[in-house]
C-alpha atoms as a PDB file:
ATOM      1  CA  MET A   1      97.022 174.152 147.345  1.00  0.00           C
ATOM      2  CA  ILE A   2      98.790 171.799 149.699  1.00  0.00           C
ATOM      3  CA  GLN A   3      99.963 173.072 152.953  1.00  0.00           C
ATOM      4  CA  ARG A   4     101.631 171.836 156.068  1.00  0.00           C
ATOM      5  CA  GLY A   5      99.284 171.930 159.078  1.00  0.00           C
ATOM      6  CA  ASP A   6      96.243 170.386 156.994  1.00  0.00           C
ATOM      7  CA  GLU A   7      95.189 167.329 158.741  1.00  0.00           C
ATOM      8  CA  VAL A   8      95.072 165.144 155.531  1.00  0.00           C
ATOM      9  CA  VAL A   9      98.766 166.536 154.566  1.00  0.00           C
ATOM     10  CA  GLU A  10     100.097 165.931 157.908  1.00  0.00           C
ATOM     11  CA  ILE A  11      98.784 162.201 157.917  1.00  0.00           C
ATOM     12  CA  PHE A  12     100.068 161.849 154.374  1.00  0.00           C
ATOM     13  CA  ILE A  13     103.498 163.153 155.666  1.00  0.00           C
ATOM     14  CA  GLU A  14     103.564 160.877 158.651  1.00  0.00           C
ATOM     15  CA  GLU A  15     102.561 157.718 156.690  1.00  0.00           C
ATOM     16  CA  THR A  16     104.897 158.459 153.813  1.00  0.00           C
ATOM     17  CA  ALA A  17     107.820 158.884 156.067  1.00  0.00           C
ATOM     18  CA  GLU A  18     107.248 155.525 157.817  1.00  0.00           C
ATOM     19  CA  ARG A  19     106.747 154.032 154.199  1.00  0.00           C
ATOM     20  CA  LEU A  20     109.884 155.463 152.973  1.00  0.00           C
ATOM     21  CA  ASP A  21     111.806 153.856 155.997  1.00  0.00           C
ATOM     22  CA  SER A  22     110.349 150.612 155.212  1.00  0.00           C
ATOM     23  CA  ILE A  23     111.084 151.153 151.426  1.00  0.00           C
ATOM     24  CA  GLU A  24     114.672 151.646 152.337  1.00  0.00           C
ATOM     25  CA  SER A  25     114.958 148.849 154.668  1.00  0.00           C
ATOM     26  CA  GLY A  26     113.564 146.535 152.199  1.00  0.00           C
ATOM     27  CA  LEU A  27     115.867 147.606 149.554  1.00  0.00           C
ATOM     28  CA  LEU A  28     118.913 147.213 151.741  1.00  0.00           C
ATOM     29  CA  HIS A  29     117.640 143.565 152.416  1.00  0.00           C
ATOM     30  CA  LEU A  30     117.024 143.190 148.712  1.00  0.00           C
ATOM     31  CA  GLU A  31     120.473 144.195 148.043  1.00  0.00           C
ATOM     32  CA  GLU A  32     121.840 141.460 150.578  1.00  0.00           C
ATOM     33  CA  CYS A  33     119.714 138.733 149.211  1.00  0.00           C
ATOM     34  CA  GLY A  34     119.257 139.537 145.637  1.00  0.00           C
ATOM     35  CA  ILE A  35     117.665 137.181 143.309  1.00  0.00           C
ATOM     36  CA  ASN A  36     117.389 134.760 146.352  1.00  0.00           C
ATOM     37  CA  CYS A  37     115.037 137.027 148.380  1.00  0.00           C
ATOM     38  CA  ASP A  38     111.695 135.862 149.095  1.00  0.00           C
ATOM     39  CA  GLN A  39     108.685 137.015 147.001  1.00  0.00           C
ATOM     40  CA  GLU A  40     107.116 138.663 149.995  1.00  0.00           C
ATOM     41  CA  THR A  41     110.069 140.838 150.538  1.00  0.00           C
ATOM     42  CA  VAL A  42     109.733 142.344 147.036  1.00  0.00           C
ATOM     43  CA  ASN A  43     105.847 142.573 147.540  1.00  0.00           C
ATOM     44  CA  SER A  44     106.166 144.402 150.657  1.00  0.00           C
ATOM     45  CA  ILE A  45     108.491 147.201 149.033  1.00  0.00           C
ATOM     46  CA  PHE A  46     106.306 147.311 146.052  1.00  0.00           C
ATOM     47  CA  ARG A  47     103.068 148.112 148.264  1.00  0.00           C
ATOM     48  CA  ASP A  48     104.877 150.916 150.079  1.00  0.00           C
ATOM     49  CA  ALA A  49     105.935 152.407 146.877  1.00  0.00           C
ATOM     50  CA  HIS A  50     102.390 151.989 145.531  1.00  0.00           C
ATOM     51  CA  SER A  51     101.043 153.711 148.690  1.00  0.00           C
ATOM     52  CA  VAL A  52     103.217 156.659 148.595  1.00  0.00           C
ATOM     53  CA  LYS A  53     102.331 157.084 144.866  1.00  0.00           C
ATOM     54  CA  ALA A  54      98.567 156.716 145.498  1.00  0.00           C
ATOM     55  CA  GLY A  55      98.724 159.081 148.295  1.00  0.00           C
ATOM     56  CA  SER A  56     100.460 161.772 146.434  1.00  0.00           C
ATOM     57  CA  ASN A  57      98.084 161.252 143.254  1.00  0.00           C
ATOM     58  CA  LEU A  58      95.372 162.016 145.702  1.00  0.00           C
ATOM     59  CA  LEU A  59      96.898 165.213 147.144  1.00  0.00           C
ATOM     60  CA  GLU A  60      98.191 166.143 143.449  1.00  0.00           C
ATOM     61  CA  LEU A  61     101.694 166.012 144.524  1.00  0.00           C
ATOM     62  CA  LYS A  62     103.045 165.717 141.106  1.00  0.00           C
ATOM     63  CA  SER A  63     106.737 165.313 141.578  1.00  0.00           C
ATOM     64  CA  ILE A  64     106.184 162.924 144.767  1.00  0.00           C
ATOM     65  CA  GLU A  65     103.832 160.819 142.490  1.00  0.00           C
ATOM     66  CA  GLU A  66     106.079 160.756 139.481  1.00  0.00           C
ATOM     67  CA  LEU A  67     109.402 159.614 141.349  1.00  0.00           C
ATOM     68  CA  SER A  68     107.484 157.162 143.382  1.00  0.00           C
ATOM     69  CA  HIS A  69     105.756 155.779 140.212  1.00  0.00           C
ATOM     70  CA  LYS A  70     109.366 155.287 138.747  1.00  0.00           C
ATOM     71  CA  ILE A  71     110.407 153.402 141.950  1.00  0.00           C
ATOM     72  CA  GLU A  72     107.143 151.210 141.895  1.00  0.00           C
ATOM     73  CA  ASN A  73     107.728 150.365 138.032  1.00  0.00           C
ATOM     74  CA  ILE A  74     111.317 148.950 138.974  1.00  0.00           C
ATOM     75  CA  LEU A  75     109.690 147.020 141.835  1.00  0.00           C
ATOM     76  CA  GLU A  76     107.148 145.628 139.411  1.00  0.00           C
ATOM     77  CA  MET A  77     109.967 144.472 137.118  1.00  0.00           C
ATOM     78  CA  ILE A  78     111.650 142.689 139.850  1.00  0.00           C
ATOM     79  CA  ARG A  79     108.426 141.025 141.042  1.00  0.00           C
ATOM     80  CA  LYS A  80     107.982 139.839 137.567  1.00  0.00           C
ATOM     81  CA  LYS A  81     111.656 138.629 137.245  1.00  0.00           C
ATOM     82  CA  GLU A  82     112.154 140.896 134.252  1.00  0.00           C
ATOM     83  CA  LEU A  83     114.865 142.802 136.229  1.00  0.00           C
ATOM     84  CA  THR A  84     117.557 141.536 138.876  1.00  0.00           C
ATOM     85  CA  PRO A  85     118.037 143.665 141.764  1.00  0.00           C
ATOM     86  CA  ASN A  86     121.697 144.642 141.216  1.00  0.00           C
ATOM     87  CA  GLU A  87     123.765 147.131 142.968  1.00  0.00           C
ATOM     88  CA  LEU A  88     122.883 150.131 140.495  1.00  0.00           C
ATOM     89  CA  ILE A  89     119.356 149.396 140.643  1.00  0.00           C
ATOM     90  CA  ILE A  90     119.102 149.415 144.445  1.00  0.00           C
ATOM     91  CA  THR A  91     121.529 152.373 144.693  1.00  0.00           C
ATOM     92  CA  ALA A  92     119.237 154.412 142.398  1.00  0.00           C
ATOM     93  CA  CYS A  93     116.179 153.567 144.081  1.00  0.00           C
ATOM     94  CA  LEU A  94     117.828 154.361 147.598  1.00  0.00           C
ATOM     95  CA  GLU A  95     118.905 157.693 146.197  1.00  0.00           C
ATOM     96  CA  SER A  96     115.428 158.300 145.002  1.00  0.00           C
ATOM     97  CA  VAL A  97     114.112 157.252 148.335  1.00  0.00           C
ATOM     98  CA  ASP A  98     116.430 160.145 149.759  1.00  0.00           C
ATOM     99  CA  LYS A  99     115.011 162.562 147.287  1.00  0.00           C
ATOM    100  CA  LEU A 100     111.533 161.712 148.204  1.00  0.00           C
ATOM    101  CA  ARG A 101     112.168 162.267 151.717  1.00  0.00           C
ATOM    102  CA  GLU A 102     113.385 165.815 150.556  1.00  0.00           C
ATOM    103  CA  LEU A 103     110.135 166.354 148.516  1.00  0.00           C
ATOM    104  CA  VAL A 104     108.038 165.559 151.523  1.00  0.00           C
ATOM    105  CA  ASP A 105     109.920 167.597 154.026  1.00  0.00           C
ATOM    106  CA  ASN A 106     109.274 170.481 151.565  1.00  0.00           C
ATOM    107  CA  ILE A 107     105.753 169.387 150.555  1.00  0.00           C
ATOM    108  CA  ASP A 108     104.649 173.114 150.045  1.00  0.00           C
ATOM    109  CA  ASN A 109     107.121 173.447 147.368  1.00  0.00           C
ATOM    110  CA  SER A 110     107.653 169.721 146.488  1.00  0.00           C
ATOM    111  CA  ASP A 111     106.329 170.238 142.821  1.00  0.00           C
ATOM    112  CA  THR A 112     109.097 172.978 142.289  1.00  0.00           C
ATOM    113  CA  ILE A 113     112.069 170.794 143.395  1.00  0.00           C
ATOM    114  CA  SER A 114     113.543 169.061 140.436  1.00  0.00           C
ATOM    115  CA  ILE A 115     113.709 165.063 140.212  1.00  0.00           C
ATOM    116  CA  ARG A 116     115.112 164.985 136.759  1.00  0.00           C
ATOM    117  CA  LEU A 117     118.479 163.814 138.115  1.00  0.00           C
ATOM    118  CA  HIS A 118     116.699 160.870 139.901  1.00  0.00           C
ATOM    119  CA  LYS A 119     114.437 159.969 137.330  1.00  0.00           C
ATOM    120  CA  ARG A 120     117.323 159.664 134.883  1.00  0.00           C
ATOM    121  CA  MET A 121     119.417 157.399 137.252  1.00  0.00           C
ATOM    122  CA  LEU A 122     116.707 155.075 137.460  1.00  0.00           C
ATOM    123  CA  GLU A 123     116.166 154.980 133.755  1.00  0.00           C
ATOM    124  CA  VAL A 124     120.070 154.406 133.438  1.00  0.00           C
ATOM    125  CA  ALA A 125     119.988 151.815 136.047  1.00  0.00           C
ATOM    126  CA  ILE A 126     117.245 149.941 134.205  1.00  0.00           C
ATOM    127  CA  GLU A 127     118.967 150.222 130.931  1.00  0.00           C
ATOM    128  CA  ARG A 128     122.180 148.723 132.041  1.00  0.00           C
ATOM    129  CA  ALA A 129     120.493 146.009 133.909  1.00  0.00           C
ATOM    130  CA  LEU A 130     118.636 144.956 131.032  1.00  0.00           C
ATOM    131  CA  SER A 131     121.543 145.240 128.602  1.00  0.00           C
ATOM    132  CA  SER A 132     123.845 143.173 130.864  1.00  0.00           C
END
């Protein structure tokens, strides 16, 4: 069982908070530059999302892993130029980053907190972006 105070958990919390800050600032930059963003910006955001997913997987934090994986998938689609980083995509990702912060802040109970709305927001953002 995951509990605050455990050294590994505390390191995960600290590193994840830094990565979420980095993802957020990267997404805001991506919103500004859109399709004209350099590839390294997208790669950097992707790596941070991947690290959050991987760490949460190791600690068996299912909700954090699942939501960060959804963000990672969107970033992979942007990396491959399959998806354009429009306002709806960026907003859904930013809202999901905020939800991830909530989950990390409540790590002991993170798997009992619903992420259904945020998963759906990301799915709708992808659907609309691909259909336009």
